[in-house]
Amino acid sequence: MLTSPNKLSKYACILCIAIMSFTSLVYFPRWNKENTEATISWDVSGYYWYLPSIFIYHDLKHQAFKDSILKKYQPTNNFQQGFQLPDGNYVLKYSSGMAVMYLPFFTAAHMVAGWFGYPQDGFSTPYQFAIQLGSLLMAVIGLCYLRKLMLRYYEDRVVAWALLILVIGTNYLNAGIIDGAMSHNWLLTIYVFILINTARFYDTFKAKYAVRIGLLIGLATLTRPTDALSALIPLLWGMESLSVNAISQRIRLMITHIRPLLLAVLCAAAMISIQLIYWKYASGHWIVYSYQDQHLYFRSPNFSDYTFSYRTGWLRYTPMMILAFVGLIPFWIKGRNKVAVTTFFLVNYYFICAWSIWWFGGRAMVQSYPVLMFPLASLLSIAFDKKILAILLVPVVLFCTYMNLWFTHQCHWGGLYDTETMTKAYYNRVAGRWSVPAYTVVLRDKAELYEGQPQNVHVIYMNSFERDSIGGGHKDVGNKETLEFKFAASPRHQQWLRMSAGFTGKERENDIWKMAQFVGRVYKGGVKQKENMFRIYRLLGDNEVKNLSLDMNVTGIQYDSISIGFWNGESDKQLFVDDLKVISFDEK
């Protein structure tokens, strides 16, 4: 009985497509959500803003329509899609590559909206669905061609497992599928095609592949300017070392094929010129730095924070990609195109870490995953040949897959992950778990928790405000200024302090940066020795009365006074506090 070649990777690809489709259209369908959860929201709305500006409102400079769209659909809290110039014109923040790729789906949505009576305003349901579906289609195309690319260099079973690991074991599931309208998903597919056409060019040196490479690199640059680094791939492809001889051979090869090289450069320049023409039209200048206060800091890249931070660290939240790092070892021993793969990965990684806003997370690495599949597949190849390595690798892959699925779910439905205020203490308390006590959320701030039974309890301070003629038995926290109570306290050399108070709130504050804070401090000779705090509305809902406590481990800390403070920021939500109490105690 004849069987088709590469059968296992084909089935793996089909399974991956099914998972991707379910995740995008059923599990978390952004297209039918509202406001900042919608498909066209946040960064995506900035990429997309060119299209309604040009084709619906015919207003690319003045943006007179922006306020009505922001009020009706709330894709962002304010107009973050662009900024105003001194002459009153607006320049859009993001470059136009994504708008170019969205255009066919925008056009289809505009027609469908007219046929079925939806508002033809660029943001109604047909537009949301079209961009979501187009993003899924782009992901499927990228995966299918990634399989074809990898089969050129690795055996079928290796490619099958590499695809499965990519889809369910890395942040590609979130950044490439759920958030598929973001640039990273589309760029991943562009990188796949750059790699495929680069391999074909070096097989044949035909001009048509040079044209494709140039257009693809131009489109990648038009989408994210730093992805001009993709040019390193075709420039270095086929090199296996950086010896003087290898470099001289590459220079001679480029001179020999100078015509297709120049053709690729011209095609790339033609694509990039779209942005230059827009800038000239909108501002009068050929070049505009539209990211304003965000910059690359090459002298102080945030390697540690970007990679390992508890807030958004790439490898902390995508531990599977540690295997790609490990795979560089066998890849350098037996792999092909070592210089292109390794150089692009390291330089691209450096640029990403050098970006001032490092906490945007590991999503920026997603488009480079087709390149990182080479060292990952090299590691899998060794594992298939050496059973002991396979035995060691299986539990690692299973664990990393579990954590990736956990992270993905908690981002969208579980509620245990928050990109804005993750901390080491909170991460260690919740990672991998599906439920934790509600009060655990205070660990997202600068707080500590003692969850055992206090021993040797001593009351240090109490205040019920009963004699407060203004407060009438409680205190209004107010806003802007801190309501603080400071008192002398002789330490009893106990391990913990617990500061508690009763809170009454009529309406919950949902803006995390405006939430009222419960702050505890200890002092020695007027000098602060330690401070803990948490945001009160993390645990206080609408029309709720609740007693909350703030724990502080004071083991080994000398202090002679304690303060309890309440700061309500700029919030207009009224909050009352009552029954302050401070106790000291030991652990059981």
Protein backbone atom coordinates (compact mmCIF):
# COMPACT_ATOMS: atom_id res chain seq x y z
CA MET A 1 0.00 0.00 0.00
CA LEU A 2 1.42 3.36 -1.03
CA THR A 3 1.45 6.20 1.48
CA SER A 4 1.96 9.86 0.76
CA PRO A 5 5.34 11.31 1.75
CA ASN A 6 5.58 13.62 4.73
CA LYS A 7 2.30 12.30 6.05
CA LEU A 8 2.89 13.06 9.71
CA SER A 9 3.71 16.73 9.20
CA LYS A 10 0.66 17.06 6.95
CA TYR A 11 -1.63 15.75 9.68
CA ALA A 12 0.11 17.92 12.27
CA CYS A 13 -0.44 20.94 10.05
CA ILE A 14 -4.15 20.13 9.70
CA LEU A 15 -4.47 19.72 13.46
CA CYS A 16 -2.70 23.03 14.01
CA ILE A 17 -5.04 24.79 11.58
CA ALA A 18 -8.04 23.35 13.45
CA ILE A 19 -6.64 24.61 16.77
CA MET A 20 -5.89 28.01 15.29
CA SER A 21 -9.39 28.32 13.80
CA PHE A 22 -11.09 27.31 17.04
CA THR A 23 -8.95 29.69 19.08
CA SER A 24 -9.53 32.66 16.77
CA LEU A 25 -13.21 32.21 15.94
CA VAL A 26 -14.67 30.35 18.94
CA TYR A 27 -12.49 30.49 22.05
CA PHE A 28 -11.81 34.24 21.97
CA PRO A 29 -13.44 35.82 18.90
CA ARG A 30 -12.29 39.42 19.08
CA TRP A 31 -14.42 40.36 16.10
CA ASN A 32 -17.64 40.27 18.16
CA LYS A 33 -16.21 42.02 21.20
CA GLU A 34 -16.38 45.71 21.97
CA ASN A 35 -14.14 48.65 22.75
CA THR A 36 -10.49 47.76 23.49
CA GLU A 37 -11.20 44.02 23.26
CA ALA A 38 -12.35 44.30 19.65
CA THR A 39 -10.21 43.20 16.71
CA ILE A 40 -9.70 46.78 15.55
CA SER A 41 -8.46 48.30 18.79
CA TRP A 42 -5.24 49.53 20.37
CA ASP A 43 -2.26 49.07 18.00
CA VAL A 44 -4.38 47.38 15.33
CA SER A 45 -6.61 50.45 15.08
CA GLY A 46 -3.46 52.50 14.52
CA TYR A 47 -2.24 50.23 11.71
CA TYR A 48 -5.71 50.24 10.19
CA TRP A 49 -6.51 53.96 10.54
CA TYR A 50 -5.12 54.75 7.08
CA LEU A 51 -7.94 52.84 5.37
CA PRO A 52 -11.04 54.61 6.71
CA SER A 53 -9.12 57.91 6.57
CA ILE A 54 -8.46 57.48 2.84
CA PHE A 55 -11.39 55.49 1.46
CA ILE A 56 -14.33 56.48 3.69
CA TYR A 57 -13.69 59.90 5.22
CA HIS A 58 -11.17 61.24 2.65
CA ASP A 59 -9.40 62.95 5.51
CA LEU A 60 -5.86 61.73 5.98
CA LYS A 61 -4.52 65.07 7.24
CA HIS A 62 -7.08 66.66 9.53
CA GLN A 63 -8.75 63.59 11.08
CA ALA A 64 -12.03 65.44 11.68
CA PHE A 65 -13.84 62.10 12.02
CA LYS A 66 -11.65 60.70 14.78
CA ASP A 67 -13.65 61.91 17.76
CA SER A 68 -16.91 60.37 16.53
CA ILE A 69 -15.22 57.00 15.99
CA LEU A 70 -13.51 57.07 19.38
CA LYS A 71 -16.79 57.95 21.08
CA LYS A 72 -18.81 55.24 19.31
CA TYR A 73 -16.36 52.31 19.21
CA GLN A 74 -13.72 53.25 21.83
CA PRO A 75 -10.83 51.34 20.19
CA THR A 76 -8.51 53.33 22.45
CA ASN A 77 -9.07 55.61 25.44
CA ASN A 78 -7.93 58.63 23.45
CA PHE A 79 -6.47 59.37 20.04
CA GLN A 80 -3.30 57.29 20.23
CA GLN A 81 -3.33 56.47 16.53
CA GLY A 82 -1.53 59.67 15.61
CA PHE A 83 -0.34 63.07 16.80
CA GLN A 84 -0.89 66.65 15.78
CA LEU A 85 1.77 68.80 14.13
CA PRO A 86 2.22 72.54 14.86
CA ASP A 87 0.37 73.37 11.63
CA GLY A 88 -2.71 71.44 12.79
CA ASN A 89 -2.26 68.42 10.53
CA TYR A 90 -2.08 64.93 11.98
CA VAL A 91 0.52 62.23 11.33
CA LEU A 92 -0.39 58.63 12.05
CA LYS A 93 1.94 56.89 14.50
CA TYR A 94 2.35 53.53 12.80
CA SER A 95 3.74 52.97 9.32
CA SER A 96 1.40 51.80 6.60
CA GLY A 97 2.48 48.21 5.87
CA MET A 98 -0.38 46.61 7.77
CA ALA A 99 -2.91 48.89 6.07
CA VAL A 100 -1.58 47.70 2.72
CA MET A 101 -2.13 44.08 3.75
CA TYR A 102 -5.52 44.79 5.35
CA LEU A 103 -6.79 46.50 2.18
CA PRO A 104 -8.39 43.48 0.44
CA PHE A 105 -10.27 42.52 3.60
CA PHE A 106 -11.30 46.11 4.28
CA THR A 107 -12.65 46.36 0.73
CA ALA A 108 -14.69 43.16 1.09
CA ALA A 109 -16.04 44.31 4.45
CA HIS A 110 -17.06 47.69 3.03
CA MET A 111 -19.12 46.00 0.33
CA VAL A 112 -20.71 43.54 2.76
CA ALA A 113 -21.59 46.35 5.17
CA GLY A 114 -23.45 48.13 2.35
CA TRP A 115 -25.29 44.98 1.26
CA PHE A 116 -26.52 44.05 4.74
CA GLY A 117 -27.22 47.48 6.18
CA TYR A 118 -24.30 47.83 8.59
CA PRO A 119 -22.73 51.27 9.07
CA GLN A 120 -20.09 51.80 6.41
CA ASP A 121 -17.89 53.60 8.89
CA GLY A 122 -14.87 51.28 8.90
CA PHE A 123 -15.45 49.89 12.39
CA SER A 124 -18.79 48.08 12.40
CA THR A 125 -19.08 44.28 12.64
CA PRO A 126 -18.22 43.39 9.00
CA TYR A 127 -14.91 45.26 9.25
CA GLN A 128 -14.05 43.62 12.58
CA PHE A 129 -14.83 40.16 11.22
CA ALA A 130 -13.01 40.72 7.93
CA ILE A 131 -9.78 41.76 9.64
CA GLN A 132 -10.06 38.85 12.09
CA LEU A 133 -10.70 36.34 9.29
CA GLY A 134 -7.96 37.82 7.13
CA SER A 135 -5.53 37.50 10.01
CA LEU A 136 -6.45 33.86 10.50
CA LEU A 137 -6.03 33.23 6.77
CA MET A 138 -2.60 34.84 6.90
CA ALA A 139 -1.64 32.60 9.82
CA VAL A 140 -2.82 29.46 7.99
CA ILE A 141 -0.87 30.39 4.86
CA GLY A 142 2.22 31.05 6.94
CA LEU A 143 1.96 27.70 8.73
CA CYS A 144 1.48 25.72 5.51
CA TYR A 145 4.47 27.32 3.85
CA LEU A 146 6.54 27.03 7.01
CA ARG A 147 5.96 23.28 6.79
CA LYS A 148 7.20 23.29 3.18
CA LEU A 149 10.24 25.32 4.16
CA MET A 150 11.19 23.07 7.06
CA LEU A 151 10.79 19.90 4.99
CA ARG A 152 13.67 21.12 2.83
CA TYR A 153 16.01 20.66 5.78
CA TYR A 154 14.43 18.28 8.30
CA GLU A 155 12.62 14.97 8.24
CA ASP A 156 8.85 14.70 8.39
CA ARG A 157 8.43 13.76 12.06
CA VAL A 158 10.71 16.59 13.18
CA VAL A 159 8.69 19.11 11.18
CA ALA A 160 5.43 17.70 12.58
CA TRP A 161 6.51 18.20 16.17
CA ALA A 162 8.06 21.59 15.44
CA LEU A 163 4.72 22.84 14.05
CA LEU A 164 2.78 21.54 17.04
CA ILE A 165 5.25 23.11 19.45
CA LEU A 166 4.97 26.44 17.64
CA VAL A 167 1.17 26.56 17.70
CA ILE A 168 0.30 25.20 21.14
CA GLY A 169 3.59 25.56 22.98
CA THR A 170 4.58 29.20 22.35
CA ASN A 171 3.06 32.67 22.62
CA TYR A 172 2.28 32.42 18.91
CA LEU A 173 -1.09 30.98 20.04
CA ASN A 174 -1.89 34.31 21.65
CA ALA A 175 0.10 36.88 19.67
CA GLY A 176 -0.37 35.17 16.31
CA ILE A 177 -3.89 33.78 16.60
CA ILE A 178 -6.01 35.50 19.26
CA ASP A 179 -4.22 38.80 18.59
CA GLY A 180 -3.71 37.79 14.97
CA ALA A 181 -4.54 41.24 13.59
CA MET A 182 -1.37 42.53 15.24
CA SER A 183 1.61 42.91 12.95
CA HIS A 184 3.55 39.97 14.40
CA ASN A 185 1.33 37.30 12.86
CA TRP A 186 1.44 38.87 9.41
CA LEU A 187 5.19 39.43 9.64
CA LEU A 188 5.72 35.79 10.58
CA THR A 189 4.22 34.81 7.24
CA ILE A 190 6.32 37.43 5.45
CA TYR A 191 9.44 35.94 7.04
CA VAL A 192 8.41 32.47 5.90
CA PHE A 193 8.21 33.73 2.33
CA ILE A 194 11.51 35.60 2.64
CA LEU A 195 13.16 32.34 3.74
CA ILE A 196 11.53 30.26 1.00
CA ASN A 197 12.38 32.71 -1.78
CA THR A 198 15.90 33.14 -0.42
CA ALA A 199 16.46 29.37 -0.56
CA ARG A 200 15.08 29.23 -4.10
CA PHE A 201 17.17 32.20 -5.21
CA TYR A 202 20.40 30.53 -4.08
CA ASP A 203 19.31 27.35 -5.86
CA THR A 204 18.71 29.09 -9.18
CA PHE A 205 19.79 32.78 -8.98
CA LYS A 206 16.66 33.67 -10.95
CA ALA A 207 15.58 37.33 -11.00
CA LYS A 208 11.96 36.54 -10.06
CA TYR A 209 13.08 35.36 -6.62
CA ALA A 210 15.15 38.53 -6.16
CA VAL A 211 12.06 40.60 -6.98
CA ARG A 212 10.00 38.69 -4.42
CA ILE A 213 12.70 39.03 -1.77
CA GLY A 214 12.94 42.77 -2.35
CA LEU A 215 9.18 43.28 -2.19
CA LEU A 216 8.88 41.15 0.94
CA ILE A 217 11.70 42.93 2.76
CA GLY A 218 10.20 46.26 1.70
CA LEU A 219 6.79 45.20 3.02
CA ALA A 220 8.29 44.00 6.30
CA THR A 221 10.09 47.36 6.68
CA LEU A 222 6.91 49.24 5.76
CA THR A 223 5.14 47.30 8.50
CA ARG A 224 7.76 47.69 11.24
CA PRO A 225 10.86 49.72 10.31
CA THR A 226 13.17 47.57 12.47
CA ASP A 227 12.22 44.55 10.34
CA ALA A 228 14.54 45.95 7.71
CA LEU A 229 16.84 43.56 9.56
CA SER A 230 15.19 40.79 7.55
CA ALA A 231 17.63 41.76 4.78
CA LEU A 232 20.32 39.94 6.78
CA ILE A 233 18.72 36.62 5.84
CA PRO A 234 19.25 36.74 2.04
CA LEU A 235 22.55 38.59 2.39
CA LEU A 236 24.05 35.85 4.59
CA TRP A 237 22.17 32.77 3.38
CA GLY A 238 24.36 29.78 2.63
CA MET A 239 27.28 30.97 4.74
CA GLU A 240 28.48 28.48 7.33
CA SER A 241 31.22 30.57 8.96
CA LEU A 242 32.48 34.14 9.27
CA SER A 243 36.01 33.34 8.18
CA VAL A 244 37.86 35.74 5.90
CA ASN A 245 37.58 33.21 3.09
CA ALA A 246 33.81 32.82 3.56
CA ILE A 247 33.27 36.57 3.59
CA SER A 248 35.38 37.12 0.48
CA GLN A 249 33.49 34.35 -1.33
CA ARG A 250 30.18 36.02 -0.40
CA ILE A 251 31.38 39.36 -1.74
CA ARG A 252 32.44 37.76 -5.02
CA LEU A 253 29.08 36.00 -5.25
CA MET A 254 27.21 39.29 -4.75
CA ILE A 255 29.31 40.98 -7.43
CA THR A 256 28.67 38.10 -9.82
CA HIS A 257 24.91 38.46 -9.29
CA ILE A 258 24.80 42.22 -8.88
CA ARG A 259 21.82 42.66 -11.22
CA PRO A 260 19.32 40.61 -9.19
CA LEU A 261 20.74 42.21 -6.03
CA LEU A 262 20.08 45.72 -7.39
CA LEU A 263 16.66 44.60 -8.55
CA ALA A 264 15.82 43.44 -5.01
CA VAL A 265 17.00 46.78 -3.60
CA LEU A 266 14.84 48.72 -6.05
CA CYS A 267 11.78 46.63 -5.23
CA ALA A 268 12.33 47.12 -1.50
CA ALA A 269 12.75 50.86 -2.02
CA ALA A 270 9.52 51.02 -4.04
CA MET A 271 7.58 49.47 -1.16
CA ILE A 272 9.18 51.73 1.46
CA SER A 273 8.47 54.81 -0.67
CA ILE A 274 4.77 54.44 0.16
CA GLN A 275 5.53 55.67 3.68
CA LEU A 276 7.80 58.45 2.51
CA ILE A 277 5.10 59.76 0.15
CA TYR A 278 2.54 59.70 2.99
CA TRP A 279 4.86 61.61 5.35
CA LYS A 280 5.56 64.20 2.66
CA TYR A 281 1.82 64.61 2.03
CA ALA A 282 0.84 64.87 5.71
CA SER A 283 3.74 66.88 7.10
CA GLY A 284 5.71 68.38 4.23
CA HIS A 285 8.75 66.29 5.22
CA TRP A 286 10.02 63.08 3.67
CA ILE A 287 10.99 61.62 7.04
CA VAL A 288 8.96 61.88 10.27
CA TYR A 289 9.81 60.13 13.51
CA SER A 290 6.28 59.19 14.52
CA TYR A 291 7.09 57.26 17.70
CA GLN A 292 7.92 60.55 19.46
CA ASP A 293 9.21 59.73 22.99
CA GLN A 294 9.90 56.04 22.26
CA HIS A 295 13.42 55.21 21.09
CA LEU A 296 16.07 52.56 20.65
CA TYR A 297 18.75 52.64 23.35
CA PHE A 298 21.64 50.63 21.93
CA ARG A 299 23.97 51.41 24.84
CA SER A 300 21.61 50.05 27.47
CA PRO A 301 19.41 47.28 26.02
CA ASN A 302 16.96 45.74 28.47
CA PHE A 303 18.11 42.13 28.02
CA SER A 304 17.22 40.98 31.52
CA ASP A 305 13.87 42.77 31.86
CA TYR A 306 12.70 41.91 28.35
CA THR A 307 13.67 38.27 28.67
CA PHE A 308 13.01 37.33 32.28
CA SER A 309 10.91 39.97 34.03
CA TYR A 310 7.86 38.80 35.94
CA ARG A 311 5.85 41.49 34.22
CA THR A 312 6.16 40.38 30.60
CA GLY A 313 9.48 38.53 30.19
CA TRP A 314 9.66 36.65 26.88
CA LEU A 315 11.17 33.41 28.16
CA ARG A 316 9.30 33.57 31.46
CA TYR A 317 5.99 33.55 29.63
CA THR A 318 7.18 31.48 26.65
CA PRO A 319 9.56 28.99 28.29
CA MET A 320 9.32 26.68 25.25
CA MET A 321 11.63 29.00 23.33
CA ILE A 322 14.46 28.15 25.73
CA LEU A 323 14.68 24.99 23.60
CA ALA A 324 15.53 27.16 20.59
CA PHE A 325 18.49 28.57 22.51
CA VAL A 326 19.61 25.06 23.46
CA GLY A 327 19.07 23.99 19.85
CA LEU A 328 21.69 26.47 18.67
CA ILE A 329 24.33 23.96 19.82
CA PRO A 330 23.32 21.06 17.53
CA PHE A 331 22.35 23.57 14.84
CA TRP A 332 25.90 24.93 14.76
CA ILE A 333 27.24 21.39 14.59
CA LYS A 334 25.03 19.95 11.86
CA GLY A 335 22.70 22.69 10.64
CA ARG A 336 22.79 24.67 7.42
CA ASN A 337 22.79 28.43 6.86
CA LYS A 338 24.24 28.95 10.33
CA VAL A 339 25.49 32.48 9.81
CA ALA A 340 22.20 33.83 8.41
CA VAL A 341 20.04 32.23 11.09
CA THR A 342 22.26 33.07 14.05
CA THR A 343 23.20 36.58 12.97
CA PHE A 344 19.61 37.58 12.27
CA PHE A 345 18.40 36.12 15.56
CA LEU A 346 21.06 37.86 17.67
CA VAL A 347 20.85 41.26 15.94
CA ASN A 348 17.04 41.23 15.92
CA TYR A 349 16.98 40.22 19.59
CA TYR A 350 19.37 43.05 20.41
CA PHE A 351 17.17 45.61 18.64
CA ILE A 352 14.04 44.36 20.41
CA CYS A 353 15.71 44.55 23.83
CA ALA A 354 17.02 48.04 23.03
CA TRP A 355 13.51 49.45 22.57
CA SER A 356 12.61 51.81 25.42
CA ILE A 357 9.18 50.24 26.00
CA TRP A 358 10.54 46.79 26.87
CA TRP A 359 7.35 45.67 28.64
CA PHE A 360 5.41 45.18 25.41
CA GLY A 361 6.48 41.58 25.94
CA GLY A 362 7.53 38.57 23.91
CA ARG A 363 5.13 39.25 21.06
CA ALA A 364 7.88 41.11 19.18
CA MET A 365 9.81 37.84 18.89
CA VAL A 366 6.93 36.03 17.19
CA GLN A 367 7.75 37.09 13.63
CA SER A 368 11.26 35.66 14.03
CA TYR A 369 9.94 32.20 14.99
CA PRO A 370 10.35 30.83 11.43
CA VAL A 371 14.08 31.53 11.85
CA LEU A 372 14.15 30.06 15.37
CA MET A 373 12.45 26.91 14.11
CA PHE A 374 15.82 25.89 12.64
CA PRO A 375 17.67 25.49 15.96
CA LEU A 376 14.50 24.09 17.56
CA ALA A 377 14.17 21.47 14.83
CA SER A 378 17.86 20.65 15.16
CA LEU A 379 17.32 19.85 18.83
CA LEU A 380 14.30 17.68 17.97
CA SER A 381 16.35 15.82 15.36
CA ILE A 382 18.97 14.93 17.96
CA ALA A 383 16.23 13.86 20.36
CA PHE A 384 14.78 11.44 17.81
CA ASP A 385 18.22 9.92 17.33
CA LYS A 386 19.14 9.74 21.02
CA LYS A 387 16.41 8.18 23.16
CA ILE A 388 17.83 9.46 26.43
CA LEU A 389 17.48 13.05 25.18
CA ALA A 390 13.94 12.35 24.00
CA ILE A 391 13.08 10.97 27.45
CA LEU A 392 14.42 14.18 29.02
CA LEU A 393 12.78 16.42 26.45
CA VAL A 394 9.21 15.05 26.62
CA PRO A 395 8.37 16.29 30.15
CA VAL A 396 9.96 19.65 29.36
CA VAL A 397 7.83 20.07 26.24
CA LEU A 398 4.68 18.98 28.09
CA PHE A 399 5.37 21.36 30.97
CA CYS A 400 6.08 24.31 28.64
CA THR A 401 2.94 23.55 26.63
CA TYR A 402 0.85 23.44 29.81
CA MET A 403 2.25 26.78 30.97
CA ASN A 404 1.65 28.35 27.56
CA LEU A 405 -1.98 27.23 27.56
CA TRP A 406 -2.31 28.46 31.14
CA PHE A 407 -0.84 31.87 30.30
CA THR A 408 -3.05 32.19 27.22
CA HIS A 409 -6.24 31.37 29.12
CA GLN A 410 -5.40 33.62 32.06
CA CYS A 411 -4.77 36.55 29.69
CA HIS A 412 -8.29 36.41 28.36
CA TRP A 413 -10.66 34.46 30.61
CA GLY A 414 -8.96 33.33 33.80
CA GLY A 415 -8.01 36.75 35.13
CA LEU A 416 -4.86 35.62 36.94
CA TYR A 417 -2.49 37.39 34.56
CA ASP A 418 -2.18 41.15 34.26
CA THR A 419 0.53 42.60 32.04
CA GLU A 420 0.49 45.94 33.84
CA THR A 421 1.24 44.88 37.42
CA MET A 422 2.70 41.38 37.59
CA THR A 423 5.22 40.86 40.40
CA LYS A 424 7.51 38.04 41.47
CA ALA A 425 5.44 37.34 44.59
CA TYR A 426 2.18 37.17 42.64
CA TYR A 427 3.67 35.10 39.82
CA ASN A 428 5.08 32.53 42.24
CA ARG A 429 1.71 32.33 44.01
CA VAL A 430 -0.48 31.79 40.93
CA ALA A 431 1.64 30.33 38.09
CA GLY A 432 0.09 27.14 36.78
CA ARG A 433 -2.89 27.27 39.14
CA TRP A 434 -6.47 27.68 37.97
CA SER A 435 -7.84 29.36 41.10
CA VAL A 436 -6.43 31.17 44.12
CA PRO A 437 -8.05 33.05 47.03
CA ALA A 438 -9.34 36.48 45.99
CA TYR A 439 -7.03 38.34 48.37
CA THR A 440 -3.99 36.97 46.51
CA VAL A 441 -4.46 39.83 44.03
CA VAL A 442 -2.79 42.25 46.48
CA LEU A 443 0.52 40.61 45.56
CA ARG A 444 0.30 42.38 42.21
CA ASP A 445 1.25 45.48 44.16
CA LYS A 446 4.02 45.97 46.72
CA ALA A 447 2.37 43.76 49.31
CA GLU A 448 3.02 40.61 51.31
CA LEU A 449 0.69 37.91 52.61
CA TYR A 450 0.76 35.74 55.66
CA GLU A 451 -1.83 33.01 55.13
CA GLY A 452 -1.24 30.99 58.32
CA GLN A 453 -2.71 31.42 61.79
CA PRO A 454 -1.13 34.42 63.63
CA GLN A 455 0.50 33.59 66.96
CA ASN A 456 1.24 35.83 69.98
CA VAL A 457 -1.00 38.61 68.71
CA HIS A 458 -0.57 42.09 70.21
CA VAL A 459 -2.70 45.12 69.36
CA ILE A 460 -0.54 48.18 68.63
CA TYR A 461 -3.09 50.73 67.41
CA MET A 462 -6.86 51.20 67.02
CA ASN A 463 -8.93 54.09 65.66
CA SER A 464 -12.68 53.88 65.06
CA PHE A 465 -13.11 57.65 64.46
CA GLU A 466 -16.09 57.70 66.83
CA ARG A 467 -14.90 61.02 68.27
CA ASP A 468 -14.31 62.53 64.87
CA SER A 469 -17.08 65.12 64.54
CA ILE A 470 -16.27 65.71 60.89
CA GLY A 471 -16.10 62.11 59.80
CA GLY A 472 -19.16 60.90 61.71
CA GLY A 473 -17.54 57.55 62.54
CA HIS A 474 -15.53 57.20 59.35
CA LYS A 475 -13.12 59.16 57.18
CA ASP A 476 -13.55 60.27 53.57
CA VAL A 477 -10.33 59.36 51.79
CA GLY A 478 -10.89 62.17 49.28
CA ASN A 479 -8.51 62.45 46.34
CA LYS A 480 -5.19 63.92 45.28
CA GLU A 481 -3.80 64.16 48.81
CA THR A 482 -2.86 61.33 51.17
CA LEU A 483 -4.93 60.70 54.29
CA GLU A 484 -2.30 59.49 56.76
CA PHE A 485 -2.21 58.33 60.37
CA LYS A 486 1.20 58.13 62.02
CA PHE A 487 1.88 57.00 65.57
CA ALA A 488 4.72 55.87 67.81
CA ALA A 489 5.17 52.12 68.18
CA SER A 490 7.69 50.17 70.23
CA PRO A 491 8.70 47.04 68.32
CA ARG A 492 8.04 43.75 70.04
CA HIS A 493 10.57 41.94 67.83
CA GLN A 494 7.76 40.01 66.20
CA GLN A 495 7.81 38.79 62.62
CA TRP A 496 4.76 40.48 61.13
CA LEU A 497 2.61 43.59 61.24
CA ARG A 498 -0.98 43.51 60.00
CA MET A 499 -2.69 46.83 59.25
CA SER A 500 -6.42 46.60 58.67
CA ALA A 501 -9.32 48.95 57.97
CA GLY A 502 -12.95 48.88 56.93
CA PHE A 503 -13.74 50.40 53.54
CA THR A 504 -17.00 51.60 52.01
CA GLY A 505 -17.19 52.41 48.32
CA LYS A 506 -20.22 53.35 46.25
CA GLU A 507 -18.74 52.85 42.78
CA ARG A 508 -15.67 50.80 41.89
CA GLU A 509 -12.72 52.53 40.25
CA ASN A 510 -11.65 50.39 37.25
CA ASP A 511 -8.67 52.41 36.08
CA ILE A 512 -5.76 50.68 37.78
CA TRP A 513 -3.66 53.86 37.81
CA LYS A 514 -6.40 55.80 39.64
CA MET A 515 -7.26 53.13 42.20
CA ALA A 516 -7.03 54.21 45.83
CA GLN A 517 -4.01 52.77 47.63
CA PHE A 518 -3.70 51.34 51.14
CA VAL A 519 -0.13 52.18 52.23
CA GLY A 520 1.75 50.99 55.31
CA ARG A 521 5.17 52.25 56.41
CA VAL A 522 7.53 51.77 59.32
CA TYR A 523 10.09 54.40 60.39
CA LYS A 524 13.19 54.59 62.57
CA GLY A 525 14.21 58.08 63.66
CA GLY A 526 12.01 59.56 60.96
CA VAL A 527 13.64 57.49 58.22
CA LYS A 528 11.43 55.06 56.31
CA GLN A 529 12.57 51.48 56.76
CA LYS A 530 9.93 49.67 54.70
CA GLU A 531 6.77 50.37 52.73
CA ASN A 532 4.03 48.04 51.51
CA MET A 533 0.89 48.91 49.56
CA PHE A 534 -1.98 47.52 47.53
CA ARG A 535 -4.78 49.02 45.46
CA ILE A 536 -8.00 48.88 47.44
CA TYR A 537 -10.36 48.48 44.49
CA ARG A 538 -8.71 45.23 43.55
CA LEU A 539 -10.85 43.76 46.35
CA LEU A 540 -13.66 46.31 46.74
CA GLY A 541 -16.67 46.30 44.43
CA ASP A 542 -19.66 48.57 43.83
CA ASN A 543 -21.67 49.48 46.96
CA GLU A 544 -19.55 47.16 49.07
CA VAL A 545 -18.40 47.34 52.67
CA LYS A 546 -15.33 45.24 53.37
CA ASN A 547 -12.54 44.90 55.91
CA LEU A 548 -9.15 44.61 54.23
CA SER A 549 -5.70 44.07 55.67
CA LEU A 550 -2.14 44.83 54.61
CA ASP A 551 0.61 42.52 55.87
CA MET A 552 4.25 43.48 56.35
CA ASN A 553 7.09 41.16 57.29
CA VAL A 554 9.25 43.14 59.73
CA THR A 555 11.65 40.38 60.74
CA GLY A 556 14.96 42.04 61.64
CA ILE A 557 13.65 45.58 60.96
CA GLN A 558 14.07 48.22 63.66
CA TYR A 559 11.29 50.84 63.85
CA ASP A 560 9.86 53.33 66.33
CA SER A 561 6.79 54.57 64.44
CA ILE A 562 4.20 53.31 61.98
CA SER A 563 2.01 55.12 59.46
CA ILE A 564 -1.11 54.05 57.63
CA GLY A 565 -1.94 56.06 54.53
CA PHE A 566 -4.71 56.17 51.96
CA TRP A 567 -4.12 57.82 48.59
CA ASN A 568 -6.94 58.12 46.09
CA GLY A 569 -4.98 59.50 43.14
CA GLU A 570 -7.06 61.40 40.61
CA SER A 571 -10.10 59.17 41.03
CA ASP A 572 -13.53 60.75 41.44
CA LYS A 573 -14.88 57.63 43.18
CA GLN A 574 -15.77 58.34 46.81
CA LEU A 575 -14.21 56.06 49.40
CA PHE A 576 -14.64 55.94 53.18
CA VAL A 577 -12.39 54.29 55.73
CA ASP A 578 -13.16 53.17 59.27
CA ASP A 579 -11.84 51.02 62.14
CA LEU A 580 -8.10 51.24 61.67
CA LYS A 581 -6.19 48.56 63.51
CA VAL A 582 -2.57 47.44 63.67
CA ILE A 583 -1.42 44.19 65.26
CA SER A 584 1.93 42.46 65.52
CA PHE A 585 2.26 38.68 65.51
CA ASP A 586 4.51 35.71 64.88
CA GLU A 587 4.22 32.89 62.39
CA LYS A 588 2.88 29.56 63.57
